[in-house]
Amino acid sequence: MPVLYTIVVDKLKTMKLPKQLIICDIIWRIEVRKYAGKNTMGYCDINKRLIVILKGMSDFDSLSTLIHEVNHAIEFTLNIKIGHNIINKTEAPITSVIFQLFKTEHT
């Protein structure tokens, strides 16, 4: 079974969003932009294999949004339906776990 995703990070000393993710051997670019769409914190463009995150959010909100959009990318890549309800309910707990791991590993 392929690795679902690999996060590529420039520096692990401070929180930075990755520039790309590899999901089932497919590269998805990550861009942080001043505008991500009306009333949205980010989006996943399946045709361009691009995830856009709104610039200026807290680290927690940025990572949470990235996790949300990664779930959409996984849906597309694996041709499955996770559903917004599940994505919305799981993104904050997953983000919290990642922050705990990051803090433990790198402080």
Foldseek 3Di string as FASTA:
>chain_A
DDDQKDADDDDLQDDDHGQWMQGRNDIAGEEEDCDADPPDQWEADQVRSYIYGYPDDDSLVRQLSVQLRSVVNSCVVVVHDPDPVNSVVCSNVVSVVVVVVSVVVRD
